[in-house]
Amino acid sequence: MRDLLPAVKHPSDCQLLFSRKARGLAHLRRWNGACDVSVAQHCVMACDHVSRRAAPYALIHDIEEDETGDLLTPVKLQMRQLGIWDRFEAEIVLPIRKSYTELAGLCWPWPTNVVAEVADIDQRLQVTEYRDAVDRDLVRGFVPRSIAPLSEYLLPWSPQKAEAQFLDRAQRLFPAWEG
């Protein structure tokens, strides 16, 4: 498999790569564009609602989406039914996620309890976004899970704020940044 990242020789190279990711994710709207919440905001909110141990992983849990797009749950389910999701995940999603996990100075594979904690907040954020920020006329086939949304109302951030908040968390949480 090809290397997904250029060779990183200096911590500032790492920061530059994450800065590019932050900008891309800050301009990528969730729900395939049917929501004004960006992927960067979603990741920061996930980071802010989990334990300290899970926080850096939550920040990068959708790091590949500036390259793959934010696939809606019904699309992912259809891909699973067609038998193509496992290959897509194994050959595209996980190599990107692995590269950025290691670049951040985190453990790969992710610890099992971290995976569970991140999955839980991801689902809670999904139903919160659906409740507060999704244009339901543009979303078909989504059935909200019986998971409690966050109690606070979700307001979308500007791309500039989402990018800045993402980079702030990266600086504070990534071991490779000596945060």
N, C-alpha and C. Protein backbone atom coordinates (compact mmCIF):
# COMPACT_ATOMS: atom_id res chain seq x y z
N MET A 1 0.84 -1.19 0.00
CA MET A 1 0.00 0.00 0.00
C MET A 1 0.88 1.24 0.00
N ARG A 2 0.47 2.22 -0.73
CA ARG A 2 1.23 3.46 -0.83
C ARG A 2 1.18 4.21 0.49
N ASP A 3 2.22 5.01 0.74
CA ASP A 3 2.20 5.87 1.92
C ASP A 3 1.16 6.95 1.71
N LEU A 4 0.35 7.19 2.70
CA LEU A 4 -0.71 8.18 2.59
C LEU A 4 -0.23 9.58 2.94
N LEU A 5 0.87 9.68 3.64
CA LEU A 5 1.39 10.97 4.06
C LEU A 5 2.83 11.12 3.61
N PRO A 6 3.24 12.33 3.28
CA PRO A 6 4.66 12.52 3.00
C PRO A 6 5.47 12.30 4.27
N ALA A 7 6.75 12.01 4.11
CA ALA A 7 7.61 11.82 5.28
C ALA A 7 7.61 13.07 6.14
N VAL A 8 7.39 12.89 7.42
CA VAL A 8 7.37 14.01 8.35
C VAL A 8 8.71 14.06 9.06
N LYS A 9 9.42 15.14 8.86
CA LYS A 9 10.76 15.27 9.41
C LYS A 9 10.82 16.18 10.63
N HIS A 10 9.80 16.95 10.84
CA HIS A 10 9.83 17.97 11.88
C HIS A 10 8.41 18.15 12.41
N PRO A 11 8.25 18.46 13.71
CA PRO A 11 6.90 18.67 14.24
C PRO A 11 6.07 19.69 13.47
N SER A 12 6.71 20.71 12.92
CA SER A 12 5.94 21.70 12.18
C SER A 12 5.34 21.11 10.90
N ASP A 13 6.00 20.05 10.34
CA ASP A 13 5.43 19.34 9.19
C ASP A 13 4.12 18.68 9.59
N CYS A 14 4.10 18.08 10.76
CA CYS A 14 2.90 17.45 11.31
C CYS A 14 1.80 18.49 11.46
N GLN A 15 2.14 19.61 12.00
CA GLN A 15 1.16 20.68 12.20
C GLN A 15 0.63 21.19 10.87
N LEU A 16 1.47 21.28 9.87
CA LEU A 16 1.03 21.72 8.56
C LEU A 16 0.02 20.74 7.96
N LEU A 17 0.29 19.44 8.07
CA LEU A 17 -0.63 18.44 7.54
C LEU A 17 -1.98 18.50 8.26
N PHE A 18 -1.95 18.64 9.57
CA PHE A 18 -3.21 18.75 10.31
C PHE A 18 -3.91 20.07 10.03
N SER A 19 -3.16 21.13 9.77
CA SER A 19 -3.78 22.40 9.41
C SER A 19 -4.56 22.27 8.11
N ARG A 20 -3.99 21.56 7.15
CA ARG A 20 -4.69 21.33 5.89
C ARG A 20 -5.95 20.51 6.11
N LYS A 21 -5.86 19.49 6.95
CA LYS A 21 -7.03 18.67 7.26
C LYS A 21 -8.10 19.52 7.95
N ALA A 22 -7.68 20.33 8.90
CA ALA A 22 -8.64 21.16 9.64
C ALA A 22 -9.40 22.08 8.69
N ARG A 23 -8.67 22.68 7.77
CA ARG A 23 -9.33 23.57 6.81
C ARG A 23 -10.32 22.80 5.94
N GLY A 24 -9.91 21.65 5.44
CA GLY A 24 -10.81 20.85 4.61
C GLY A 24 -12.05 20.41 5.36
N LEU A 25 -11.86 19.94 6.59
CA LEU A 25 -13.00 19.47 7.40
C LEU A 25 -13.90 20.63 7.82
N ALA A 26 -13.33 21.81 8.00
CA ALA A 26 -14.13 22.98 8.40
C ALA A 26 -15.04 23.46 7.28
N HIS A 27 -14.70 23.11 6.05
CA HIS A 27 -15.51 23.53 4.90
C HIS A 27 -16.39 22.40 4.37
N LEU A 28 -16.35 21.25 5.03
CA LEU A 28 -17.17 20.10 4.62
C LEU A 28 -18.37 19.98 5.55
N ARG A 29 -19.54 20.18 4.98
CA ARG A 29 -20.76 20.11 5.78
C ARG A 29 -21.16 18.67 6.01
N ARG A 30 -21.67 18.42 7.18
CA ARG A 30 -22.15 17.08 7.55
C ARG A 30 -23.43 16.75 6.80
N TRP A 31 -23.81 15.51 6.86
CA TRP A 31 -25.06 15.03 6.28
C TRP A 31 -25.10 15.28 4.77
N ASN A 32 -23.96 15.09 4.13
CA ASN A 32 -23.87 15.26 2.68
C ASN A 32 -24.36 16.65 2.26
N GLY A 33 -24.08 17.64 3.11
CA GLY A 33 -24.43 19.02 2.81
C GLY A 33 -25.78 19.47 3.32
N ALA A 34 -26.54 18.58 3.93
CA ALA A 34 -27.89 18.93 4.39
C ALA A 34 -27.89 19.51 5.80
N CYS A 35 -26.73 19.87 6.30
CA CYS A 35 -26.57 20.38 7.66
C CYS A 35 -25.49 21.44 7.64
N ASP A 36 -25.66 22.51 8.39
CA ASP A 36 -24.66 23.57 8.43
C ASP A 36 -23.52 23.30 9.41
N VAL A 37 -23.58 22.18 10.11
CA VAL A 37 -22.48 21.80 11.00
C VAL A 37 -21.40 21.16 10.14
N SER A 38 -20.18 21.61 10.31
CA SER A 38 -19.06 21.05 9.53
C SER A 38 -18.53 19.80 10.23
N VAL A 39 -17.78 19.01 9.48
CA VAL A 39 -17.15 17.83 10.04
C VAL A 39 -16.16 18.25 11.13
N ALA A 40 -15.45 19.35 10.93
CA ALA A 40 -14.51 19.82 11.96
C ALA A 40 -15.24 20.16 13.26
N GLN A 41 -16.37 20.87 13.17
CA GLN A 41 -17.14 21.18 14.38
C GLN A 41 -17.62 19.90 15.05
N HIS A 42 -18.13 18.98 14.26
CA HIS A 42 -18.59 17.69 14.79
C HIS A 42 -17.46 16.99 15.56
N CYS A 43 -16.26 16.98 14.98
CA CYS A 43 -15.13 16.31 15.63
C CYS A 43 -14.72 17.01 16.93
N VAL A 44 -14.72 18.35 16.92
CA VAL A 44 -14.39 19.10 18.13
C VAL A 44 -15.43 18.82 19.22
N MET A 45 -16.69 18.83 18.82
CA MET A 45 -17.75 18.56 19.82
C MET A 45 -17.62 17.14 20.38
N ALA A 46 -17.28 16.18 19.53
CA ALA A 46 -17.06 14.82 20.01
C ALA A 46 -15.91 14.81 21.01
N CYS A 47 -14.84 15.50 20.66
CA CYS A 47 -13.66 15.60 21.52
C CYS A 47 -14.02 16.19 22.89
N ASP A 48 -14.88 17.19 22.88
CA ASP A 48 -15.23 17.90 24.12
C ASP A 48 -16.24 17.15 24.99
N HIS A 49 -16.81 16.05 24.48
CA HIS A 49 -17.83 15.33 25.24
C HIS A 49 -17.41 13.91 25.62
N VAL A 50 -16.12 13.62 25.54
CA VAL A 50 -15.63 12.30 25.95
C VAL A 50 -14.55 12.47 27.01
N SER A 51 -14.06 11.36 27.50
CA SER A 51 -13.00 11.38 28.51
C SER A 51 -11.71 11.94 27.93
N ARG A 52 -10.82 12.33 28.80
CA ARG A 52 -9.51 12.87 28.38
C ARG A 52 -8.76 11.86 27.53
N ARG A 53 -8.85 10.58 27.87
CA ARG A 53 -8.15 9.54 27.12
C ARG A 53 -8.71 9.41 25.70
N ALA A 54 -10.01 9.52 25.56
CA ALA A 54 -10.65 9.34 24.25
C ALA A 54 -10.63 10.63 23.41
N ALA A 55 -10.41 11.77 24.04
CA ALA A 55 -10.54 13.06 23.34
C ALA A 55 -9.70 13.18 22.07
N PRO A 56 -8.40 12.86 22.08
CA PRO A 56 -7.65 13.04 20.83
C PRO A 56 -8.13 12.12 19.71
N TYR A 57 -8.62 10.95 20.07
CA TYR A 57 -9.16 10.02 19.07
C TYR A 57 -10.49 10.54 18.52
N ALA A 58 -11.31 11.09 19.40
CA ALA A 58 -12.59 11.65 18.95
C ALA A 58 -12.36 12.80 17.98
N LEU A 59 -11.30 13.56 18.22
CA LEU A 59 -11.00 14.70 17.34
C LEU A 59 -10.71 14.23 15.91
N ILE A 60 -10.13 13.05 15.76
CA ILE A 60 -9.77 12.58 14.42
C ILE A 60 -10.64 11.43 13.94
N HIS A 61 -11.77 11.19 14.60
CA HIS A 61 -12.57 10.03 14.23
C HIS A 61 -13.17 10.10 12.83
N ASP A 62 -13.25 11.26 12.24
CA ASP A 62 -13.74 11.42 10.86
C ASP A 62 -12.69 12.10 9.97
N ILE A 63 -11.42 11.93 10.29
CA ILE A 63 -10.33 12.64 9.63
C ILE A 63 -10.28 12.37 8.12
N GLU A 64 -10.77 11.23 7.70
CA GLU A 64 -10.73 10.86 6.28
C GLU A 64 -11.80 11.53 5.44
N GLU A 65 -12.77 12.18 6.08
CA GLU A 65 -13.94 12.64 5.34
C GLU A 65 -13.67 13.81 4.40
N ASP A 66 -12.58 14.52 4.57
CA ASP A 66 -12.29 15.55 3.55
C ASP A 66 -11.85 14.89 2.25
N GLU A 67 -11.51 13.60 2.30
CA GLU A 67 -11.15 12.85 1.10
C GLU A 67 -12.28 11.97 0.61
N THR A 68 -13.09 11.43 1.53
CA THR A 68 -14.15 10.49 1.14
C THR A 68 -15.53 11.14 1.10
N GLY A 69 -15.67 12.30 1.72
CA GLY A 69 -16.99 12.90 1.91
C GLY A 69 -17.63 12.34 3.17
N ASP A 70 -18.68 12.98 3.60
CA ASP A 70 -19.42 12.54 4.78
C ASP A 70 -20.57 11.67 4.28
N LEU A 71 -20.37 10.37 4.31
CA LEU A 71 -21.38 9.45 3.80
C LEU A 71 -22.52 9.31 4.80
N LEU A 72 -23.73 9.45 4.31
CA LEU A 72 -24.91 9.32 5.16
C LEU A 72 -25.08 7.87 5.61
N THR A 73 -25.67 7.69 6.78
CA THR A 73 -25.89 6.35 7.32
C THR A 73 -26.63 5.45 6.33
N PRO A 74 -27.70 5.91 5.67
CA PRO A 74 -28.36 5.02 4.71
C PRO A 74 -27.43 4.58 3.56
N VAL A 75 -26.51 5.43 3.16
CA VAL A 75 -25.54 5.06 2.12
C VAL A 75 -24.60 3.99 2.66
N LYS A 76 -24.10 4.18 3.89
CA LYS A 76 -23.23 3.18 4.49
C LYS A 76 -23.95 1.84 4.64
N LEU A 77 -25.22 1.88 5.04
CA LEU A 77 -25.99 0.64 5.17
C LEU A 77 -26.14 -0.05 3.82
N GLN A 78 -26.40 0.72 2.78
CA GLN A 78 -26.51 0.15 1.43
C GLN A 78 -25.18 -0.46 0.99
N MET A 79 -24.09 0.23 1.30
CA MET A 79 -22.77 -0.31 0.96
C MET A 79 -22.52 -1.62 1.69
N ARG A 80 -22.99 -1.72 2.94
CA ARG A 80 -22.85 -2.98 3.69
C ARG A 80 -23.68 -4.08 3.03
N GLN A 81 -24.90 -3.75 2.64
CA GLN A 81 -25.77 -4.74 1.98
C GLN A 81 -25.18 -5.21 0.65
N LEU A 82 -24.51 -4.33 -0.05
CA LEU A 82 -23.88 -4.69 -1.32
C LEU A 82 -22.54 -5.40 -1.15
N GLY A 83 -22.08 -5.45 0.10
CA GLY A 83 -20.83 -6.13 0.39
C GLY A 83 -19.59 -5.34 0.03
N ILE A 84 -19.71 -4.02 -0.09
CA ILE A 84 -18.55 -3.21 -0.47
C ILE A 84 -18.02 -2.33 0.66
N TRP A 85 -18.76 -2.21 1.74
CA TRP A 85 -18.31 -1.34 2.83
C TRP A 85 -17.02 -1.84 3.45
N ASP A 86 -16.91 -3.15 3.71
CA ASP A 86 -15.72 -3.67 4.37
C ASP A 86 -14.46 -3.36 3.57
N ARG A 87 -14.52 -3.50 2.27
CA ARG A 87 -13.35 -3.21 1.44
C ARG A 87 -13.07 -1.70 1.42
N PHE A 88 -14.11 -0.89 1.30
CA PHE A 88 -13.95 0.57 1.32
C PHE A 88 -13.30 1.00 2.63
N GLU A 89 -13.79 0.46 3.73
CA GLU A 89 -13.24 0.82 5.04
C GLU A 89 -11.79 0.34 5.18
N ALA A 90 -11.53 -0.91 4.76
CA ALA A 90 -10.19 -1.48 4.92
C ALA A 90 -9.15 -0.82 4.02
N GLU A 91 -9.55 -0.43 2.82
CA GLU A 91 -8.57 0.07 1.86
C GLU A 91 -8.50 1.59 1.77
N ILE A 92 -9.52 2.28 2.27
CA ILE A 92 -9.53 3.73 2.16
C ILE A 92 -9.62 4.40 3.53
N VAL A 93 -10.66 4.10 4.28
CA VAL A 93 -10.91 4.78 5.56
C VAL A 93 -9.81 4.49 6.58
N LEU A 94 -9.60 3.22 6.88
CA LEU A 94 -8.67 2.88 7.95
C LEU A 94 -7.21 3.25 7.66
N PRO A 95 -6.71 3.12 6.43
CA PRO A 95 -5.33 3.59 6.20
C PRO A 95 -5.15 5.10 6.44
N ILE A 96 -6.14 5.88 6.05
CA ILE A 96 -6.06 7.33 6.30
C ILE A 96 -6.10 7.58 7.80
N ARG A 97 -7.05 6.94 8.47
CA ARG A 97 -7.19 7.13 9.92
C ARG A 97 -5.93 6.66 10.66
N LYS A 98 -5.37 5.54 10.23
CA LYS A 98 -4.14 5.02 10.84
C LYS A 98 -3.00 6.02 10.67
N SER A 99 -2.83 6.55 9.48
CA SER A 99 -1.74 7.50 9.23
C SER A 99 -1.84 8.73 10.12
N TYR A 100 -3.03 9.28 10.24
CA TYR A 100 -3.19 10.49 11.06
C TYR A 100 -3.16 10.18 12.55
N THR A 101 -3.58 8.98 12.93
CA THR A 101 -3.47 8.56 14.33
C THR A 101 -1.99 8.52 14.73
N GLU A 102 -1.20 7.88 13.90
CA GLU A 102 0.23 7.77 14.19
C GLU A 102 0.92 9.13 14.11
N LEU A 103 0.52 9.95 13.16
CA LEU A 103 1.08 11.29 13.03
C LEU A 103 0.80 12.13 14.28
N ALA A 104 -0.35 11.91 14.88
CA ALA A 104 -0.71 12.63 16.11
C ALA A 104 0.03 12.10 17.33
N GLY A 105 0.69 10.94 17.17
CA GLY A 105 1.40 10.34 18.30
C GLY A 105 0.51 9.46 19.15
N LEU A 106 -0.58 8.97 18.58
CA LEU A 106 -1.54 8.13 19.30
C LEU A 106 -1.35 6.66 18.94
N CYS A 107 -1.94 5.79 19.73
CA CYS A 107 -1.82 4.35 19.53
C CYS A 107 -2.72 3.86 18.40
N TRP A 108 -2.16 3.00 17.57
CA TRP A 108 -2.93 2.29 16.55
C TRP A 108 -2.68 0.80 16.76
N PRO A 109 -3.71 -0.01 16.74
CA PRO A 109 -5.12 0.36 16.61
C PRO A 109 -5.63 1.06 17.86
N TRP A 110 -6.73 1.74 17.69
CA TRP A 110 -7.30 2.46 18.83
C TRP A 110 -7.69 1.49 19.92
N PRO A 111 -7.51 1.88 21.20
CA PRO A 111 -7.96 1.01 22.29
C PRO A 111 -9.47 0.75 22.20
N THR A 112 -9.87 -0.48 22.51
CA THR A 112 -11.26 -0.90 22.36
C THR A 112 -12.23 -0.01 23.12
N ASN A 113 -11.88 0.36 24.35
CA ASN A 113 -12.80 1.20 25.13
C ASN A 113 -12.90 2.61 24.54
N VAL A 114 -11.84 3.09 23.89
CA VAL A 114 -11.88 4.39 23.22
C VAL A 114 -12.80 4.31 22.00
N VAL A 115 -12.69 3.24 21.23
CA VAL A 115 -13.56 3.05 20.07
C VAL A 115 -15.02 3.10 20.50
N ALA A 116 -15.35 2.42 21.58
CA ALA A 116 -16.74 2.39 22.06
C ALA A 116 -17.19 3.77 22.52
N GLU A 117 -16.33 4.48 23.24
CA GLU A 117 -16.70 5.81 23.73
C GLU A 117 -16.89 6.79 22.57
N VAL A 118 -16.02 6.73 21.58
CA VAL A 118 -16.15 7.61 20.42
C VAL A 118 -17.40 7.26 19.62
N ALA A 119 -17.69 5.99 19.45
CA ALA A 119 -18.90 5.58 18.73
C ALA A 119 -20.15 6.08 19.44
N ASP A 120 -20.15 6.03 20.76
CA ASP A 120 -21.30 6.49 21.53
C ASP A 120 -21.54 7.98 21.32
N ILE A 121 -20.51 8.80 21.45
CA ILE A 121 -20.71 10.25 21.28
C ILE A 121 -21.02 10.58 19.83
N ASP A 122 -20.47 9.84 18.90
CA ASP A 122 -20.76 10.06 17.49
C ASP A 122 -22.25 9.87 17.23
N GLN A 123 -22.84 8.85 17.81
CA GLN A 123 -24.28 8.61 17.65
C GLN A 123 -25.11 9.69 18.35
N ARG A 124 -24.68 10.11 19.53
CA ARG A 124 -25.40 11.18 20.22
C ARG A 124 -25.34 12.50 19.44
N LEU A 125 -24.20 12.78 18.86
CA LEU A 125 -24.07 13.98 18.04
C LEU A 125 -24.92 13.86 16.77
N GLN A 126 -24.98 12.68 16.21
CA GLN A 126 -25.79 12.48 15.00
C GLN A 126 -27.26 12.81 15.28
N VAL A 127 -27.81 12.30 16.38
CA VAL A 127 -29.22 12.60 16.66
C VAL A 127 -29.41 14.05 17.09
N THR A 128 -28.39 14.65 17.70
CA THR A 128 -28.47 16.07 18.06
C THR A 128 -28.46 16.93 16.79
N GLU A 129 -27.58 16.61 15.86
CA GLU A 129 -27.54 17.35 14.60
C GLU A 129 -28.87 17.19 13.85
N TYR A 130 -29.40 16.00 13.85
CA TYR A 130 -30.68 15.76 13.17
C TYR A 130 -31.78 16.60 13.81
N ARG A 131 -31.78 16.67 15.13
CA ARG A 131 -32.79 17.44 15.86
C ARG A 131 -32.66 18.93 15.57
N ASP A 132 -31.43 19.45 15.54
CA ASP A 132 -31.21 20.90 15.56
C ASP A 132 -30.76 21.53 14.24
N ALA A 133 -30.11 20.79 13.38
CA ALA A 133 -29.42 21.47 12.28
C ALA A 133 -29.57 20.83 10.90
N VAL A 134 -30.30 19.75 10.79
CA VAL A 134 -30.44 19.07 9.50
C VAL A 134 -31.68 19.57 8.78
N ASP A 135 -31.52 19.86 7.50
CA ASP A 135 -32.66 20.18 6.64
C ASP A 135 -33.30 18.86 6.25
N ARG A 136 -34.37 18.52 6.91
CA ARG A 136 -34.99 17.21 6.73
C ARG A 136 -35.59 17.00 5.36
N ASP A 137 -35.84 18.10 4.63
CA ASP A 137 -36.31 17.96 3.25
C ASP A 137 -35.22 17.39 2.34
N LEU A 138 -33.96 17.51 2.76
CA LEU A 138 -32.84 17.02 1.97
C LEU A 138 -32.35 15.64 2.39
N VAL A 139 -32.87 15.14 3.51
CA VAL A 139 -32.40 13.86 4.04
C VAL A 139 -33.53 12.85 3.93
N ARG A 140 -33.25 11.79 3.22
CA ARG A 140 -34.22 10.70 3.05
C ARG A 140 -33.64 9.43 3.63
N GLY A 141 -34.48 8.63 4.23
CA GLY A 141 -34.06 7.31 4.68
C GLY A 141 -33.37 7.26 6.02
N PHE A 142 -33.25 8.39 6.71
CA PHE A 142 -32.62 8.35 8.03
C PHE A 142 -33.69 8.17 9.09
N VAL A 143 -33.48 7.20 9.94
CA VAL A 143 -34.38 6.98 11.07
C VAL A 143 -33.57 7.25 12.33
N PRO A 144 -33.93 8.30 13.08
CA PRO A 144 -33.16 8.60 14.29
C PRO A 144 -33.17 7.42 15.26
N ARG A 145 -32.02 7.13 15.81
CA ARG A 145 -31.91 6.05 16.79
C ARG A 145 -32.55 6.48 18.10
N SER A 146 -32.80 5.49 18.92
CA SER A 146 -33.38 5.79 20.24
C SER A 146 -32.26 6.11 21.22
N ILE A 147 -31.42 7.04 20.83
CA ILE A 147 -30.30 7.50 21.64
C ILE A 147 -30.60 8.94 22.04
N ALA A 148 -30.29 9.28 23.26
CA ALA A 148 -30.58 10.63 23.74
C ALA A 148 -29.62 11.63 23.09
N PRO A 149 -30.17 12.71 22.51
CA PRO A 149 -29.30 13.77 21.99
C PRO A 149 -28.67 14.54 23.15
N LEU A 150 -27.71 15.36 22.83
CA LEU A 150 -27.14 16.25 23.84
C LEU A 150 -28.24 17.19 24.32
N SER A 151 -28.15 17.63 25.55
CA SER A 151 -29.20 18.50 26.09
C SER A 151 -29.14 19.90 25.51
N GLU A 152 -27.92 20.40 25.23
CA GLU A 152 -27.80 21.76 24.72
C GLU A 152 -28.15 21.81 23.23
N TYR A 153 -28.69 22.95 22.82
CA TYR A 153 -29.03 23.18 21.42
C TYR A 153 -27.75 23.38 20.62
N LEU A 154 -27.70 22.82 19.44
CA LEU A 154 -26.50 22.86 18.60
C LEU A 154 -26.60 23.99 17.58
N LEU A 155 -25.68 24.94 17.66
CA LEU A 155 -25.59 26.03 16.69
C LEU A 155 -24.37 25.81 15.81
N PRO A 156 -24.53 25.89 14.49
CA PRO A 156 -23.38 25.72 13.60
C PRO A 156 -22.36 26.85 13.77
N TRP A 157 -21.08 26.50 13.60
CA TRP A 157 -19.99 27.46 13.66
C TRP A 157 -19.61 27.88 12.26
N SER A 158 -18.94 29.00 12.15
CA SER A 158 -18.35 29.40 10.88
C SER A 158 -17.19 28.44 10.56
N PRO A 159 -16.82 28.32 9.29
CA PRO A 159 -15.65 27.50 8.97
C PRO A 159 -14.38 27.97 9.68
N GLN A 160 -14.24 29.26 9.84
CA GLN A 160 -13.05 29.79 10.50
C GLN A 160 -13.00 29.36 11.97
N LYS A 161 -14.12 29.42 12.65
CA LYS A 161 -14.15 28.99 14.05
C LYS A 161 -13.92 27.49 14.15
N ALA A 162 -14.53 26.71 13.28
CA ALA A 162 -14.36 25.26 13.32
C ALA A 162 -12.90 24.87 13.10
N GLU A 163 -12.26 25.51 12.14
CA GLU A 163 -10.85 25.23 11.87
C GLU A 163 -9.98 25.60 13.07
N ALA A 164 -10.22 26.78 13.64
CA ALA A 164 -9.42 27.24 14.79
C ALA A 164 -9.61 26.33 16.00
N GLN A 165 -10.85 25.93 16.26
CA GLN A 165 -11.12 25.07 17.41
C GLN A 165 -10.50 23.68 17.21
N PHE A 166 -10.56 23.16 15.99
CA PHE A 166 -9.95 21.87 15.69
C PHE A 166 -8.45 21.93 15.97
N LEU A 167 -7.79 22.97 15.47
CA LEU A 167 -6.35 23.08 15.67
C LEU A 167 -5.98 23.34 17.13
N ASP A 168 -6.83 24.06 17.85
CA ASP A 168 -6.60 24.28 19.28
C ASP A 168 -6.60 22.94 20.02
N ARG A 169 -7.58 22.10 19.73
CA ARG A 169 -7.65 20.79 20.41
C ARG A 169 -6.46 19.92 20.00
N ALA A 170 -6.09 19.95 18.73
CA ALA A 170 -4.95 19.16 18.27
C ALA A 170 -3.68 19.57 19.02
N GLN A 171 -3.48 20.86 19.14
CA GLN A 171 -2.28 21.35 19.83
C GLN A 171 -2.26 20.93 21.29
N ARG A 172 -3.42 20.95 21.92
CA ARG A 172 -3.48 20.61 23.35
C ARG A 172 -3.46 19.11 23.61
N LEU A 173 -3.92 18.29 22.65
CA LEU A 173 -4.14 16.88 22.93
C LEU A 173 -3.20 15.90 22.25
N PHE A 174 -2.59 16.27 21.14
CA PHE A 174 -1.77 15.31 20.41
C PHE A 174 -0.39 15.18 21.03
N PRO A 175 0.01 13.98 21.43
CA PRO A 175 1.35 13.79 21.99
C PRO A 175 2.46 14.26 21.03
N ALA A 176 2.27 14.10 19.75
CA ALA A 176 3.29 14.50 18.78
C ALA A 176 3.49 16.00 18.74
N TRP A 177 2.52 16.75 19.27
CA TRP A 177 2.63 18.20 19.30
C TRP A 177 3.10 18.68 20.67
N GLU A 178 3.48 17.72 21.51
CA GLU A 178 3.90 18.02 22.86
C GLU A 178 2.88 18.90 23.58
N GLY A 179 1.57 18.53 23.34
CA GLY A 179 0.47 19.29 23.93
C GLY A 179 0.33 18.98 25.37
